[in-house]
PDB file of N, CA and C in Angstrom:
ATOM      1  N   MET A   1     -31.022 -27.382  41.433  1.00  0.00           N
ATOM      2  CA  MET A   1     -31.379 -29.027  41.036  1.00  0.00           C
ATOM      3  C   MET A   1     -32.711 -29.160  41.155  1.00  0.00           C
ATOM      4  N   THR A   2     -33.448 -29.891  40.125  1.00  0.00           N
ATOM      5  CA  THR A   2     -34.682 -30.122  39.650  1.00  0.00           C
ATOM      6  C   THR A   2     -35.302 -30.796  41.314  1.00  0.00           C
ATOM      7  N   PHE A   3     -36.735 -31.428  41.260  1.00  0.00           N
ATOM      8  CA  PHE A   3     -37.622 -31.963  42.874  1.00  0.00           C
ATOM      9  C   PHE A   3     -36.933 -33.468  41.954  1.00  0.00           C
ATOM     10  N   VAL A   4     -37.241 -33.304  40.574  1.00  0.00           N
ATOM     11  CA  VAL A   4     -36.726 -35.062  39.825  1.00  0.00           C
ATOM     12  C   VAL A   4     -35.263 -35.600  40.366  1.00  0.00           C
ATOM     13  N   GLU A   5     -34.690 -34.772  39.915  1.00  0.00           N
ATOM     14  CA  GLU A   5     -33.489 -34.832  39.989  1.00  0.00           C
ATOM     15  C   GLU A   5     -32.763 -35.158  41.728  1.00  0.00           C
ATOM     16  N   MET A   6     -33.466 -34.171  42.426  1.00  0.00           N
ATOM     17  CA  MET A   6     -32.915 -34.756  44.297  1.00  0.00           C
ATOM     18  C   MET A   6     -33.675 -35.984  43.903  1.00  0.00           C
ATOM     19  N   VAL A   7     -34.708 -36.554  43.827  1.00  0.00           N
ATOM     20  CA  VAL A   7     -35.476 -37.537  44.438  1.00  0.00           C
ATOM     21  C   VAL A   7     -34.475 -38.833  43.503  1.00  0.00           C
ATOM     22  N   ASN A   8     -34.085 -38.572  42.273  1.00  0.00           N
ATOM     23  CA  ASN A   8     -32.969 -39.121  41.491  1.00  0.00           C
ATOM     24  C   ASN A   8     -31.536 -39.950  42.385  1.00  0.00           C
ATOM     25  N   LYS A   9     -31.328 -38.868  43.049  1.00  0.00           N
ATOM     26  CA  LYS A   9     -30.331 -38.549  44.003  1.00  0.00           C
ATOM     27  C   LYS A   9     -30.406 -39.554  44.687  1.00  0.00           C
ATOM     28  N   GLU A  10     -31.347 -39.446  46.011  1.00  0.00           N
ATOM     29  CA  GLU A  10     -31.772 -40.235  47.285  1.00  0.00           C
ATOM     30  C   GLU A  10     -32.038 -41.558  46.730  1.00  0.00           C
ATOM     31  N   LEU A  11     -32.636 -41.950  45.467  1.00  0.00           N
ATOM     32  CA  LEU A  11     -32.930 -42.923  45.464  1.00  0.00           C
ATOM     33  C   LEU A  11     -31.288 -43.516  44.957  1.00  0.00           C
ATOM     34  N   ALA A  12     -30.516 -43.129  44.171  1.00  0.00           N
ATOM     35  CA  ALA A  12     -29.291 -44.197  44.307  1.00  0.00           C
ATOM     36  C   ALA A  12     -28.448 -44.691  45.537  1.00  0.00           C
ATOM     37  N   ARG A  13     -28.581 -43.297  46.342  1.00  0.00           N
ATOM     38  CA  ARG A  13     -28.159 -43.264  48.058  1.00  0.00           C
ATOM     39  C   ARG A  13     -28.988 -43.967  48.659  1.00  0.00           C
ATOM     40  N   SER A  14     -30.363 -44.112  48.053  1.00  0.00           N
ATOM     41  CA  SER A  14     -31.052 -45.557  48.902  1.00  0.00           C
ATOM     42  C   SER A  14     -30.048 -47.231  48.955  1.00  0.00           C
ATOM     43  N   ARG A  15     -30.466 -46.806  47.541  1.00  0.00           N
ATOM     44  CA  ARG A  15     -29.663 -48.577  46.784  1.00  0.00           C
ATOM     45  C   ARG A  15     -28.428 -48.530  46.833  1.00  0.00           C
ATOM     46  N   ASN A  16     -27.893 -47.831  47.252  1.00  0.00           N
ATOM     47  CA  ASN A  16     -26.825 -48.228  47.831  1.00  0.00           C
ATOM     48  C   ASN A  16     -26.863 -48.290  49.692  1.00  0.00           C
ATOM     49  N   LYS A  17     -27.081 -47.751  50.277  1.00  0.00           N
ATOM     50  CA  LYS A  17     -27.201 -48.233  51.677  1.00  0.00           C
ATOM     51  C   LYS A  17     -28.184 -50.072  51.799  1.00  0.00           C
ATOM     52  N   HIS A  18     -29.341 -49.563  50.947  1.00  0.00           N
ATOM     53  CA  HIS A  18     -30.154 -50.962  51.585  1.00  0.00           C
ATOM     54  C   HIS A  18     -30.397 -51.991  50.473  1.00  0.00           C
ATOM     55  N   ASN A  19     -30.766 -52.948  50.679  1.00  0.00           N
ATOM     56  CA  ASN A  19     -31.414 -54.597  50.442  1.00  0.00           C
ATOM     57  C   ASN A  19     -31.992 -54.016  49.244  1.00  0.00           C
ATOM     58  N   PRO A  20     -32.567 -54.553  48.453  1.00  0.00           N
ATOM     59  CA  PRO A  20     -33.820 -54.114  47.397  1.00  0.00           C
ATOM     60  C   PRO A  20     -34.757 -54.494  48.237  1.00  0.00           C
ATOM     61  N   ILE A  21     -36.183 -53.729  48.103  1.00  0.00           N
ATOM     62  CA  ILE A  21     -37.338 -53.857  48.995  1.00  0.00           C
ATOM     63  C   ILE A  21     -37.810 -55.161  47.745  1.00  0.00           C
ATOM     64  N   MET A  22     -37.844 -56.275  48.445  1.00  0.00           N
ATOM     65  CA  MET A  22     -38.521 -57.999  48.190  1.00  0.00           C
ATOM     66  C   MET A  22     -40.145 -57.847  47.661  1.00  0.00           C
ATOM     67  N   THR A  23     -40.379 -57.557  48.650  1.00  0.00           N
ATOM     68  CA  THR A  23     -42.509 -58.105  49.100  1.00  0.00           C
ATOM     69  C   THR A  23     -42.990 -55.929  48.668  1.00  0.00           C
ATOM     70  N   ILE A  24     -44.449 -56.304  48.279  1.00  0.00           N
ATOM     71  CA  ILE A  24     -45.134 -55.081  48.353  1.00  0.00           C
ATOM     72  C   ILE A  24     -45.191 -54.674  50.251  1.00  0.00           C
ATOM     73  N   HIS A  25     -45.658 -55.578  51.079  1.00  0.00           N
ATOM     74  CA  HIS A  25     -45.643 -54.917  52.645  1.00  0.00           C
ATOM     75  C   HIS A  25     -44.270 -55.136  53.016  1.00  0.00           C
ATOM     76  N   GLU A  26     -43.530 -54.712  52.417  1.00  0.00           N
ATOM     77  CA  GLU A  26     -42.159 -54.073  53.026  1.00  0.00           C
ATOM     78  C   GLU A  26     -41.649 -52.908  52.032  1.00  0.00           C
ATOM     79  N   GLY A  27     -42.849 -52.807  50.275  1.00  0.00           N
ATOM     80  CA  GLY A  27     -42.534 -51.922  50.426  1.00  0.00           C
ATOM     81  C   GLY A  27     -43.806 -50.592  50.890  1.00  0.00           C
ATOM     82  N   TYR A  28     -45.086 -51.206  51.491  1.00  0.00           N
ATOM     83  CA  TYR A  28     -45.513 -50.613  52.278  1.00  0.00           C
ATOM     84  C   TYR A  28     -45.027 -49.643  53.537  1.00  0.00           C
ATOM     85  N   ALA A  29     -44.540 -50.673  54.292  1.00  0.00           N
ATOM     86  CA  ALA A  29     -43.400 -50.024  54.874  1.00  0.00           C
ATOM     87  C   ALA A  29     -42.674 -48.958  55.217  1.00  0.00           C
ATOM     88  N   VAL A  30     -41.975 -48.807  53.930  1.00  0.00           N
ATOM     89  CA  VAL A  30     -41.074 -48.224  54.023  1.00  0.00           C
ATOM     90  C   VAL A  30     -41.638 -46.957  53.654  1.00  0.00           C
ATOM     91  N   LEU A  31     -42.215 -47.393  52.557  1.00  0.00           N
ATOM     92  CA  LEU A  31     -42.868 -45.852  52.199  1.00  0.00           C
ATOM     93  C   LEU A  31     -43.595 -44.994  53.445  1.00  0.00           C
ATOM     94  N   LEU A  32     -44.530 -46.187  53.745  1.00  0.00           N
ATOM     95  CA  LEU A  32     -45.500 -45.420  55.412  1.00  0.00           C
ATOM     96  C   LEU A  32     -44.170 -44.140  56.136  1.00  0.00           C
ATOM     97  N   GLU A  33     -43.358 -45.246  57.402  1.00  0.00           N
ATOM     98  CA  GLU A  33     -42.708 -44.431  57.424  1.00  0.00           C
ATOM     99  C   GLU A  33     -41.637 -43.391  56.849  1.00  0.00           C
ATOM    100  N   GLU A  34     -41.455 -42.568  55.760  1.00  0.00           N
ATOM    101  CA  GLU A  34     -41.328 -41.544  55.332  1.00  0.00           C
ATOM    102  C   GLU A  34     -42.527 -40.881  54.952  1.00  0.00           C
ATOM    103  N   VAL A  35     -43.679 -40.901  54.298  1.00  0.00           N
ATOM    104  CA  VAL A  35     -44.881 -40.452  55.020  1.00  0.00           C
ATOM    105  C   VAL A  35     -45.089 -40.144  56.185  1.00  0.00           C
ATOM    106  N   ASP A  36     -45.380 -40.570  57.261  1.00  0.00           N
ATOM    107  CA  ASP A  36     -45.067 -40.647  58.703  1.00  0.00           C
ATOM    108  C   ASP A  36     -43.624 -39.594  59.031  1.00  0.00           C
ATOM    109  N   GLU A  37     -43.201 -39.394  59.149  1.00  0.00           N
ATOM    110  CA  GLU A  37     -41.973 -38.524  58.821  1.00  0.00           C
ATOM    111  C   GLU A  37     -42.345 -36.854  58.711  1.00  0.00           C
ATOM    112  N   PHE A  38     -42.889 -36.840  57.221  1.00  0.00           N
ATOM    113  CA  PHE A  38     -43.361 -36.012  56.472  1.00  0.00           C
ATOM    114  C   PHE A  38     -44.228 -35.036  57.253  1.00  0.00           C
ATOM    115  N   TRP A  39     -45.291 -36.072  57.718  1.00  0.00           N
ATOM    116  CA  TRP A  39     -45.943 -35.388  58.472  1.00  0.00           C
ATOM    117  C   TRP A  39     -46.127 -35.317  59.894  1.00  0.00           C
ATOM    118  N   ASP A  40     -45.167 -35.694  60.451  1.00  0.00           N
ATOM    119  CA  ASP A  40     -44.556 -35.351  61.732  1.00  0.00           C
ATOM    120  C   ASP A  40     -43.915 -33.240  61.697  1.00  0.00           C
ATOM    121  N   GLU A  41     -43.141 -33.871  60.627  1.00  0.00           N
ATOM    122  CA  GLU A  41     -43.064 -32.287  60.125  1.00  0.00           C
ATOM    123  C   GLU A  41     -44.070 -31.415  60.255  1.00  0.00           C
ATOM    124  N   VAL A  42     -44.918 -31.659  59.057  1.00  0.00           N
ATOM    125  CA  VAL A  42     -46.028 -30.816  59.302  1.00  0.00           C
ATOM    126  C   VAL A  42     -46.814 -30.706  60.005  1.00  0.00           C
ATOM    127  N   LYS A  43     -46.665 -31.177  60.621  1.00  0.00           N
ATOM    128  CA  LYS A  43     -47.601 -30.872  62.004  1.00  0.00           C
ATOM    129  C   LYS A  43     -46.969 -30.558  63.473  1.00  0.00           C
ATOM    130  N   ASN A  44     -45.636 -29.807  62.833  1.00  0.00           N
ATOM    131  CA  ASN A  44     -45.100 -28.700  63.655  1.00  0.00           C
ATOM    132  C   ASN A  44     -45.583 -27.428  63.468  1.00  0.00           C
ATOM    133  N   ARG A  45     -45.480 -26.610  64.938  1.00  0.00           N
ATOM    134  CA  ARG A  45     -45.963 -25.493  64.925  1.00  0.00           C
ATOM    135  C   ARG A  45     -45.041 -24.350  64.161  1.00  0.00           C
ATOM    136  N   ASN A  46     -44.137 -24.410  63.955  1.00  0.00           N
ATOM    137  CA  ASN A  46     -43.136 -23.610  63.281  1.00  0.00           C
ATOM    138  C   ASN A  46     -42.669 -24.691  62.077  1.00  0.00           C
ATOM    139  N   PRO A  47     -43.038 -24.687  61.103  1.00  0.00           N
ATOM    140  CA  PRO A  47     -42.791 -26.153  60.263  1.00  0.00           C
ATOM    141  C   PRO A  47     -40.745 -25.420  59.603  1.00  0.00           C
ATOM    142  N   ASP A  48     -40.354 -26.777  59.271  1.00  0.00           N
ATOM    143  CA  ASP A  48     -39.065 -26.272  58.855  1.00  0.00           C
ATOM    144  C   ASP A  48     -39.268 -27.111  57.699  1.00  0.00           C
ATOM    145  N   TYR A  49     -39.498 -25.595  56.542  1.00  0.00           N
ATOM    146  CA  TYR A  49     -39.520 -26.156  55.408  1.00  0.00           C
ATOM    147  C   TYR A  49     -38.340 -27.066  54.296  1.00  0.00           C
ATOM    148  N   MET A  50     -37.146 -26.966  54.834  1.00  0.00           N
ATOM    149  CA  MET A  50     -36.343 -27.882  54.187  1.00  0.00           C
ATOM    150  C   MET A  50     -37.182 -29.415  54.830  1.00  0.00           C
ATOM    151  N   ALA A  51     -36.784 -29.414  55.931  1.00  0.00           N
ATOM    152  CA  ALA A  51     -37.222 -30.722  56.477  1.00  0.00           C
ATOM    153  C   ALA A  51     -38.226 -31.161  55.730  1.00  0.00           C
ATOM    154  N   ILE A  52     -39.359 -31.021  55.234  1.00  0.00           N
ATOM    155  CA  ILE A  52     -40.358 -31.121  54.651  1.00  0.00           C
ATOM    156  C   ILE A  52     -40.117 -31.158  53.183  1.00  0.00           C
ATOM    157  N   LEU A  53     -39.339 -30.176  51.961  1.00  0.00           N
ATOM    158  CA  LEU A  53     -38.576 -30.567  51.920  1.00  0.00           C
ATOM    159  C   LEU A  53     -38.128 -31.762  51.505  1.00  0.00           C
ATOM    160  N   GLU A  54     -37.085 -32.781  51.875  1.00  0.00           N
ATOM    161  CA  GLU A  54     -36.431 -33.683  52.304  1.00  0.00           C
ATOM    162  C   GLU A  54     -37.372 -34.602  52.745  1.00  0.00           C
ATOM    163  N   GLU A  55     -38.436 -34.703  53.325  1.00  0.00           N
ATOM    164  CA  GLU A  55     -39.308 -35.796  53.536  1.00  0.00           C
ATOM    165  C   GLU A  55     -39.627 -35.864  52.408  1.00  0.00           C
ATOM    166  N   LEU A  56     -40.308 -34.903  51.636  1.00  0.00           N
ATOM    167  CA  LEU A  56     -40.884 -35.144  50.345  1.00  0.00           C
ATOM    168  C   LEU A  56     -40.057 -35.700  49.104  1.00  0.00           C
ATOM    169  N   ILE A  57     -39.023 -35.393  49.336  1.00  0.00           N
ATOM    170  CA  ILE A  57     -37.720 -36.437  48.267  1.00  0.00           C
ATOM    171  C   ILE A  57     -37.796 -37.648  48.719  1.00  0.00           C
ATOM    172  N   GLN A  58     -37.576 -38.183  50.441  1.00  0.00           N
ATOM    173  CA  GLN A  58     -37.598 -39.217  50.478  1.00  0.00           C
ATOM    174  C   GLN A  58     -39.078 -39.912  50.219  1.00  0.00           C
ATOM    175  N   VAL A  59     -40.075 -39.556  50.196  1.00  0.00           N
ATOM    176  CA  VAL A  59     -41.202 -40.306  49.599  1.00  0.00           C
ATOM    177  C   VAL A  59     -40.815 -40.463  48.440  1.00  0.00           C
ATOM    178  N   GLY A  60     -40.881 -39.655  47.667  1.00  0.00           N
ATOM    179  CA  GLY A  60     -40.628 -39.741  45.960  1.00  0.00           C
ATOM    180  C   GLY A  60     -39.652 -40.976  45.726  1.00  0.00           C
ATOM    181  N   ALA A  61     -39.148 -40.821  46.275  1.00  0.00           N
ATOM    182  CA  ALA A  61     -37.410 -41.468  46.190  1.00  0.00           C
ATOM    183  C   ALA A  61     -37.973 -43.361  46.233  1.00  0.00           C
ATOM    184  N   MET A  62     -38.558 -43.543  47.481  1.00  0.00           N
ATOM    185  CA  MET A  62     -39.328 -44.293  47.996  1.00  0.00           C
ATOM    186  C   MET A  62     -40.556 -45.119  47.157  1.00  0.00           C
ATOM    187  N   ALA A  63     -41.627 -44.118  46.497  1.00  0.00           N
ATOM    188  CA  ALA A  63     -42.673 -44.571  45.498  1.00  0.00           C
ATOM    189  C   ALA A  63     -41.342 -44.915  44.683  1.00  0.00           C
ATOM    190  N   GLN A  64     -40.972 -44.432  43.702  1.00  0.00           N
ATOM    191  CA  GLN A  64     -40.090 -45.414  42.972  1.00  0.00           C
ATOM    192  C   GLN A  64     -39.318 -46.544  43.119  1.00  0.00           C
ATOM    193  N   ARG A  65     -38.814 -46.294  43.970  1.00  0.00           N
ATOM    194  CA  ARG A  65     -37.962 -47.671  44.795  1.00  0.00           C
ATOM    195  C   ARG A  65     -39.261 -48.869  44.627  1.00  0.00           C
ATOM    196  N   VAL A  66     -39.578 -49.009  45.359  1.00  0.00           N
ATOM    197  CA  VAL A  66     -40.816 -49.720  45.556  1.00  0.00           C
ATOM    198  C   VAL A  66     -41.489 -50.567  43.815  1.00  0.00           C
ATOM    199  N   ALA A  67     -42.202 -49.103  43.620  1.00  0.00           N
ATOM    200  CA  ALA A  67     -41.929 -49.858  42.524  1.00  0.00           C
ATOM    201  C   ALA A  67     -41.487 -50.614  40.990  1.00  0.00           C
ATOM    202  N   GLU A  68     -40.155 -49.980  41.219  1.00  0.00           N
ATOM    203  CA  GLU A  68     -39.087 -51.149  40.749  1.00  0.00           C
ATOM    204  C   GLU A  68     -38.277 -51.882  41.063  1.00  0.00           C
ATOM    205  N   ASP A  69     -38.679 -52.076  42.466  1.00  0.00           N
ATOM    206  CA  ASP A  69     -38.014 -53.291  43.226  1.00  0.00           C
ATOM    207  C   ASP A  69     -38.690 -54.157  42.799  1.00  0.00           C
ATOM    208  N   LEU A  70     -40.071 -53.766  43.130  1.00  0.00           N
ATOM    209  CA  LEU A  70     -41.290 -55.376  42.738  1.00  0.00           C
ATOM    210  C   LEU A  70     -41.533 -55.341  41.313  1.00  0.00           C
ATOM    211  N   ASP A  71     -40.550 -54.176  40.854  1.00  0.00           N
ATOM    212  CA  ASP A  71     -40.555 -54.823  38.810  1.00  0.00           C
ATOM    213  C   ASP A  71     -42.747 -53.979  38.569  1.00  0.00           C
ATOM    214  N   LEU A  72     -42.431 -53.576  39.425  1.00  0.00           N
ATOM    215  CA  LEU A  72     -44.590 -53.314  38.765  1.00  0.00           C
ATOM    216  C   LEU A  72     -44.096 -52.262  37.211  1.00  0.00           C
ATOM    217  N   VAL A  73     -43.238 -51.495  37.232  1.00  0.00           N
ATOM    218  CA  VAL A  73     -43.434 -51.088  36.040  1.00  0.00           C
ATOM    219  C   VAL A  73     -43.590 -51.953  34.586  1.00  0.00           C
ATOM    220  N   GLU A  74     -42.493 -52.622  34.934  1.00  0.00           N
ATOM    221  CA  GLU A  74     -42.031 -53.952  34.230  1.00  0.00           C
ATOM    222  C   GLU A  74     -43.199 -54.946  33.808  1.00  0.00           C
ATOM    223  N   ARG A  75     -43.848 -55.152  34.807  1.00  0.00           N
ATOM    224  CA  ARG A  75     -44.822 -56.194  34.863  1.00  0.00           C
ATOM    225  C   ARG A  75     -46.272 -55.932  34.260  1.00  0.00           C
ATOM    226  N   PHE A  76     -46.478 -54.452  34.526  1.00  0.00           N
ATOM    227  CA  PHE A  76     -47.645 -53.775  34.325  1.00  0.00           C
ATOM    228  C   PHE A  76     -48.041 -52.803  33.116  1.00  0.00           C
ATOM    229  N   GLY A  77     -46.295 -52.879  32.716  1.00  0.00           N
ATOM    230  CA  GLY A  77     -46.138 -52.025  31.209  1.00  0.00           C
ATOM    231  C   GLY A  77     -47.511 -51.390  30.385  1.00  0.00           C
ATOM    232  N   PRO A  78     -48.480 -52.552  29.715  1.00  0.00           N
ATOM    233  CA  PRO A  78     -49.923 -52.671  29.136  1.00  0.00           C
ATOM    234  C   PRO A  78     -50.699 -51.609  29.782  1.00  0.00           C
ATOM    235  N   ALA A  79     -50.645 -51.943  31.414  1.00  0.00           N
ATOM    236  CA  ALA A  79     -51.932 -51.169  31.910  1.00  0.00           C
ATOM    237  C   ALA A  79     -51.423 -49.788  32.164  1.00  0.00           C
ATOM    238  N   LYS A  80     -49.889 -49.207  31.675  1.00  0.00           N
ATOM    239  CA  LYS A  80     -49.502 -47.837  31.427  1.00  0.00           C
ATOM    240  C   LYS A  80     -50.818 -47.244  30.347  1.00  0.00           C
ATOM    241  N   GLU A  81     -51.719 -47.550  29.838  1.00  0.00           N
ATOM    242  CA  GLU A  81     -52.141 -46.962  29.094  1.00  0.00           C
ATOM    243  C   GLU A  81     -54.256 -46.625  29.679  1.00  0.00           C
ATOM    244  N   LYS A  82     -54.215 -46.965  30.377  1.00  0.00           N
ATOM    245  CA  LYS A  82     -54.945 -46.983  31.251  1.00  0.00           C
ATOM    246  C   LYS A  82     -54.937 -45.969  31.922  1.00  0.00           C
ATOM    247  N   LEU A  83     -53.297 -44.986  32.904  1.00  0.00           N
ATOM    248  CA  LEU A  83     -52.918 -43.964  32.905  1.00  0.00           C
ATOM    249  C   LEU A  83     -52.894 -42.914  32.430  1.00  0.00           C
ATOM    250  N   ASP A  84     -52.474 -43.362  31.037  1.00  0.00           N
ATOM    251  CA  ASP A  84     -51.932 -42.591  30.172  1.00  0.00           C
ATOM    252  C   ASP A  84     -53.393 -41.257  30.016  1.00  0.00           C
ATOM    253  N   GLY A  85     -54.849 -41.394  30.177  1.00  0.00           N
ATOM    254  CA  GLY A  85     -56.147 -40.330  30.206  1.00  0.00           C
ATOM    255  C   GLY A  85     -55.829 -39.872  31.431  1.00  0.00           C
ATOM    256  N   PHE A  86     -55.198 -39.898  32.526  1.00  0.00           N
ATOM    257  CA  PHE A  86     -55.586 -39.263  33.792  1.00  0.00           C
ATOM    258  C   PHE A  86     -54.332 -38.275  34.011  1.00  0.00           C
ATOM    259  N   VAL A  87     -54.436 -37.464  34.863  1.00  0.00           N
ATOM    260  CA  VAL A  87     -53.791 -36.286  35.042  1.00  0.00           C
ATOM    261  C   VAL A  87     -54.392 -35.996  36.595  1.00  0.00           C
ATOM    262  N   TYR A  88     -53.078 -36.525  37.566  1.00  0.00           N
ATOM    263  CA  TYR A  88     -53.594 -36.147  38.397  1.00  0.00           C
ATOM    264  C   TYR A  88     -54.726 -36.349  39.239  1.00  0.00           C
ATOM    265  N   GLY A  89     -55.285 -38.142  38.565  1.00  0.00           N
ATOM    266  CA  GLY A  89     -56.485 -38.494  39.268  1.00  0.00           C
ATOM    267  C   GLY A  89     -57.677 -38.044  38.769  1.00  0.00           C
ATOM    268  N   ARG A  90     -57.597 -36.850  37.087  1.00  0.00           N
ATOM    269  CA  ARG A  90     -58.470 -36.774  36.822  1.00  0.00           C
ATOM    270  C   ARG A  90     -58.611 -36.888  35.591  1.00  0.00           C
ATOM    271  N   GLU A  91     -59.413 -37.179  34.598  1.00  0.00           N
ATOM    272  CA  GLU A  91     -59.742 -37.569  32.682  1.00  0.00           C
ATOM    273  C   GLU A  91     -58.496 -36.290  31.923  1.00  0.00           C
ATOM    274  N   LYS A  92     -58.025 -36.332  31.399  1.00  0.00           N
ATOM    275  CA  LYS A  92     -57.951 -35.443  30.545  1.00  0.00           C
ATOM    276  C   LYS A  92     -58.486 -34.301  29.458  1.00  0.00           C
TER     277      LYS A  92
END
C-alpha cells in the first residue's frame, strides 16, 4: 500500500468517526494535535518508526481533511495556477 493510499484510508476512517471541521481554527487545532504527536515520537531516544509513520499518515489525512472540509480547494481553485509553478516551495 502506498503512502497516499494509507492517507486516504485514514481520511475515510476519520470522516466516519468525527464531524466535519467547521472553521480554520478548528482545523489548525486538529492538525497541530497530529503534528505534536509526530514530534513526540521524533523526540524519543529510540524512535518507533512504525508510530512515526502512523503519525505522518494522520498529519497528511488531517491536512487533506481541513482543505476539503473547508472547501478550500473548491473555493480557491483558480489560485492553483500559482502553485503549479512550484515544487516543494521552489520554482520549477
